[in-house]
C-alpha atoms as a PDB file:
ATOM      1  CA  MET A   1      -5.935  -3.619  35.522  1.00  0.00           C
ATOM      2  CA  ARG A   2      -8.104  -6.452  34.213  1.00  0.00           C
ATOM      3  CA  LEU A   3     -10.698  -3.956  32.951  1.00  0.00           C
ATOM      4  CA  VAL A   4      -8.034  -2.064  30.974  1.00  0.00           C
ATOM      5  CA  ILE A   5      -6.826  -5.244  29.250  1.00  0.00           C
ATOM      6  CA  VAL A   6     -10.391  -6.276  28.329  1.00  0.00           C
ATOM      7  CA  ALA A   7     -11.169  -2.788  26.995  1.00  0.00           C
ATOM      8  CA  ALA A   8      -7.965  -2.738  24.919  1.00  0.00           C
ATOM      9  CA  ALA A   9      -8.726  -6.182  23.485  1.00  0.00           C
ATOM     10  CA  ALA A  10     -12.270  -5.107  22.601  1.00  0.00           C
ATOM     11  CA  ALA A  11     -10.938  -1.994  20.831  1.00  0.00           C
ATOM     12  CA  CYS A  12      -8.534  -4.129  18.759  1.00  0.00           C
ATOM     13  CA  VAL A  13     -11.323  -6.506  17.749  1.00  0.00           C
ATOM     14  CA  ALA A  14     -13.617  -3.605  16.821  1.00  0.00           C
ATOM     15  CA  SER A  15     -10.869  -1.972  14.749  1.00  0.00           C
ATOM     16  CA  SER A  16     -10.170  -5.245  12.946  1.00  0.00           C
ATOM     17  CA  ALA A  17     -13.869  -5.840  12.249  1.00  0.00           C
ATOM     18  CA  TRP A  18     -14.206  -2.292  10.908  1.00  0.00           C
ATOM     19  CA  ALA A  19     -11.295  -2.805   8.511  1.00  0.00           C
ATOM     20  CA  GLU A  20     -12.682  -6.141   7.322  1.00  0.00           C
ATOM     21  CA  GLY A  21     -16.032  -4.513   6.507  1.00  0.00           C
ATOM     22  CA  MET A  22     -14.504  -1.986   4.085  1.00  0.00           C
ATOM     23  CA  ASP A  23     -13.372  -2.651   0.529  1.00  0.00           C
ATOM     24  CA  PRO A  24      -9.663  -2.055  -0.029  1.00  0.00           C
ATOM     25  CA  MET A  25      -8.864   0.948  -2.233  1.00  0.00           C
ATOM     26  CA  VAL A  26      -6.167   3.400  -3.289  1.00  0.00           C
ATOM     27  CA  GLU A  27      -6.940   7.072  -3.969  1.00  0.00           C
ATOM     28  CA  ALA A  28      -4.188   9.146  -5.602  1.00  0.00           C
ATOM     29  CA  MET A  29      -3.778  11.827  -8.253  1.00  0.00           C
ATOM     30  CA  ASP A  30      -1.088  12.850 -10.740  1.00  0.00           C
ATOM     31  CA  GLN A  31       1.573  14.736  -8.785  1.00  0.00           C
ATOM     32  CA  ASP A  32       4.958  16.417  -8.733  1.00  0.00           C
ATOM     33  CA  VAL A  33       7.512  13.890  -7.465  1.00  0.00           C
ATOM     34  CA  SER A  34      10.617  16.090  -7.889  1.00  0.00           C
ATOM     35  CA  ASN A  35      11.023  15.998  -4.079  1.00  0.00           C
ATOM     36  CA  GLY A  36      11.532  12.211  -4.231  1.00  0.00           C
ATOM     37  CA  VAL A  37       8.171  11.392  -2.642  1.00  0.00           C
ATOM     38  CA  VAL A  38       4.953   9.960  -4.073  1.00  0.00           C
ATOM     39  CA  SER A  39       1.725  10.037  -2.042  1.00  0.00           C
ATOM     40  CA  ALA A  40      -1.699   8.472  -1.947  1.00  0.00           C
ATOM     41  CA  SER A  41      -4.338  10.706  -0.387  1.00  0.00           C
ATOM     42  CA  LYS A  42      -6.223   7.703   1.033  1.00  0.00           C
ATOM     43  CA  ILE A  43      -5.735   3.949   1.232  1.00  0.00           C
ATOM     44  CA  VAL A  44      -8.067   1.445   2.844  1.00  0.00           C
ATOM     45  CA  ALA A  45      -6.368  -1.836   3.724  1.00  0.00           C
ATOM     46  CA  GLN A  46      -8.003  -4.875   5.302  1.00  0.00           C
ATOM     47  CA  GLU A  47      -4.782  -5.814   7.101  1.00  0.00           C
ATOM     48  CA  ASN A  48      -1.355  -4.370   7.806  1.00  0.00           C
ATOM     49  CA  GLY A  49       0.720  -4.245   4.637  1.00  0.00           C
ATOM     50  CA  TRP A  50       2.405  -1.932   2.169  1.00  0.00           C
ATOM     51  CA  MET A  51       1.704   0.745  -0.402  1.00  0.00           C
ATOM     52  CA  VAL A  52       4.092  -0.279  -3.158  1.00  0.00           C
ATOM     53  CA  VAL A  53       5.043   2.064  -6.006  1.00  0.00           C
ATOM     54  CA  HIS A  54       5.677   0.215  -9.269  1.00  0.00           C
ATOM     55  CA  ARG A  55       6.797   1.683 -12.557  1.00  0.00           C
ATOM     56  CA  THR A  56       4.236   1.063 -15.290  1.00  0.00           C
ATOM     57  CA  ASP A  57       3.290   2.259 -18.759  1.00  0.00           C
ATOM     58  CA  ALA A  58       0.238   2.427 -21.028  1.00  0.00           C
ATOM     59  CA  SER A  59       0.015  -1.399 -20.958  1.00  0.00           C
ATOM     60  CA  GLY A  60      -0.979  -1.165 -17.275  1.00  0.00           C
ATOM     61  CA  LYS A  61       1.354  -3.980 -16.244  1.00  0.00           C
ATOM     62  CA  PRO A  62       3.175  -3.517 -12.908  1.00  0.00           C
ATOM     63  CA  GLY A  63       6.901  -3.066 -13.370  1.00  0.00           C
ATOM     64  CA  PRO A  64       9.854  -2.725 -11.002  1.00  0.00           C
ATOM     65  CA  VAL A  65       9.317  -1.386  -7.477  1.00  0.00           C
ATOM     66  CA  VAL A  66      10.593   2.175  -6.986  1.00  0.00           C
ATOM     67  CA  GLY A  67       9.245   2.845  -3.483  1.00  0.00           C
ATOM     68  CA  TYR A  68       7.045   1.592  -0.660  1.00  0.00           C
ATOM     69  CA  ALA A  69       5.484   2.672   2.635  1.00  0.00           C
ATOM     70  CA  PRO A  70       3.861   0.726   5.494  1.00  0.00           C
ATOM     71  CA  LEU A  71       0.071   0.568   5.883  1.00  0.00           C
ATOM     72  CA  ARG A  72      -2.104  -0.116   8.911  1.00  0.00           C
ATOM     73  CA  ALA A  73      -5.304  -2.116   8.722  1.00  0.00           C
ATOM     74  CA  GLY A  74      -8.155   0.325   8.094  1.00  0.00           C
ATOM     75  CA  GLU A  75      -8.074   3.826   6.653  1.00  0.00           C
ATOM     76  CA  ASN A  76      -4.668   5.404   5.962  1.00  0.00           C
ATOM     77  CA  ILE A  77      -4.552   9.112   5.034  1.00  0.00           C
ATOM     78  CA  ASP A  78      -1.694  10.840   3.148  1.00  0.00           C
ATOM     79  CA  VAL A  79       0.548   7.795   2.722  1.00  0.00           C
ATOM     80  CA  ALA A  80       3.971   8.895   1.453  1.00  0.00           C
ATOM     81  CA  ALA A  81       6.663   6.658  -0.042  1.00  0.00           C
ATOM     82  CA  LEU A  82      10.241   7.759  -0.616  1.00  0.00           C
ATOM     83  CA  LEU A  83      11.268   7.010  -4.191  1.00  0.00           C
ATOM     84  CA  GLN A  84      14.367   4.854  -4.476  1.00  0.00           C
ATOM     85  CA  GLU A  85      15.039   5.860  -8.099  1.00  0.00           C
ATOM     86  CA  ASP A  86      14.654   9.005 -10.144  1.00  0.00           C
ATOM     87  CA  VAL A  87      11.212   9.441 -11.659  1.00  0.00           C
ATOM     88  CA  GLN A  88      10.856  11.876 -14.548  1.00  0.00           C
ATOM     89  CA  PRO A  89       7.832  14.019 -15.465  1.00  0.00           C
ATOM     90  CA  GLY A  90       5.546  11.907 -17.649  1.00  0.00           C
ATOM     91  CA  ASP A  91       6.577   8.612 -16.018  1.00  0.00           C
ATOM     92  CA  MET A  92       3.624   6.460 -14.984  1.00  0.00           C
ATOM     93  CA  LEU A  93       3.523   4.962 -11.502  1.00  0.00           C
ATOM     94  CA  MET A  94       1.196   2.338 -10.058  1.00  0.00           C
ATOM     95  CA  LEU A  95       0.418   2.678  -6.325  1.00  0.00           C
ATOM     96  CA  MET A  96      -0.642  -0.786  -5.178  1.00  0.00           C
ATOM     97  CA  ILE A  97      -1.616  -2.481  -1.914  1.00  0.00           C
ATOM     98  CA  HIS A  98       0.613  -5.406  -0.961  1.00  0.00           C
ATOM     99  CA  SER A  99       0.156  -7.690   2.039  1.00  0.00           C
ATOM    100  CA  GLU A 100       2.562  -8.412   4.859  1.00  0.00           C
ATOM    101  CA  ALA A 101       2.048 -12.162   4.358  1.00  0.00           C
ATOM    102  CA  GLY A 102       4.557 -14.779   3.276  1.00  0.00           C
ATOM    103  CA  GLY A 103       7.771 -13.063   4.233  1.00  0.00           C
ATOM    104  CA  MET A 104      10.362 -14.103   6.776  1.00  0.00           C
ATOM    105  CA  LYS A 105      10.185 -10.885   8.864  1.00  0.00           C
ATOM    106  CA  THR A 106       7.215  -8.800   9.961  1.00  0.00           C
ATOM    107  CA  GLY A 107       7.652  -5.096   9.245  1.00  0.00           C
ATOM    108  CA  VAL A 108      10.340  -5.627   6.594  1.00  0.00           C
ATOM    109  CA  PHE A 109       9.328  -5.225   2.945  1.00  0.00           C
ATOM    110  CA  GLU A 110      10.567  -8.387   1.214  1.00  0.00           C
ATOM    111  CA  TYR A 111       8.832  -8.378  -2.183  1.00  0.00           C
ATOM    112  CA  THR A 112      10.686  -8.566  -5.477  1.00  0.00           C
ATOM    113  CA  LEU A 113       8.825  -8.541  -8.812  1.00  0.00           C
ATOM    114  CA  GLY A 114       6.954 -11.829  -9.206  1.00  0.00           C
ATOM    115  CA  ALA A 115       7.680 -13.108  -5.665  1.00  0.00           C
ATOM    116  CA  THR A 116       5.035 -14.270  -3.192  1.00  0.00           C
ATOM    117  CA  GLU A 117       6.604 -12.622  -0.122  1.00  0.00           C
ATOM    118  CA  ASP A 118       4.688  -9.448   0.752  1.00  0.00           C
ATOM    119  CA  GLY A 119       2.930  -9.744  -2.615  1.00  0.00           C
ATOM    120  CA  PRO A 120      -0.013  -7.769  -3.987  1.00  0.00           C
ATOM    121  CA  ILE A 121      -3.488  -8.411  -2.634  1.00  0.00           C
ATOM    122  CA  LYS A 122      -6.055  -9.567  -5.189  1.00  0.00           C
ATOM    123  CA  PRO A 123      -9.592  -9.555  -3.800  1.00  0.00           C
ATOM    124  CA  GLY A 124     -11.825 -11.124  -6.437  1.00  0.00           C
ATOM    125  CA  GLY A 125      -8.719 -11.733  -8.561  1.00  0.00           C
ATOM    126  CA  SER A 126      -8.020  -8.022  -9.199  1.00  0.00           C
ATOM    127  CA  LEU A 127      -5.122  -5.877  -8.028  1.00  0.00           C
ATOM    128  CA  VAL A 128      -5.980  -2.947  -5.734  1.00  0.00           C
ATOM    129  CA  MET A 129      -4.126   0.008  -7.221  1.00  0.00           C
ATOM    130  CA  GLN A 130      -4.235   3.463  -8.773  1.00  0.00           C
ATOM    131  CA  THR A 131      -2.061   4.584 -11.697  1.00  0.00           C
ATOM    132  CA  ILE A 132      -0.759   8.146 -11.709  1.00  0.00           C
ATOM    133  CA  THR A 133       1.546  10.218 -13.896  1.00  0.00           C
ATOM    134  CA  ALA A 134       4.473  12.162 -12.469  1.00  0.00           C
ATOM    135  CA  ASP A 135       4.244  15.894 -13.229  1.00  0.00           C
END
């Protein structure tokens, strides 16, 4: 039993080190969201957190949150968020990585626009996001 615990701990440390060695990123394309879902094809996160879907426009400023989905540390493939509001063709959406830090409850998305709870990550002072247009 002791060997199993040591092996599991080593796997967790290796996974964490792997995630820390990769730059965070969001990969997504313009897409049809008429089914109420928006997806990122790939997200790399350095820690557990959230893919948050903000409304935006040509100014590139993040607006209100219209959806979110949990992320694991490391590579996340085909991350899908249920939209909590209608999104029309031509609307611009910003898919952004937020952390799990600062909130009162782990695993509960607590961010509101401008808050620090579960806020956006900013490595080097820049948001990690991808802007798409709803088809």
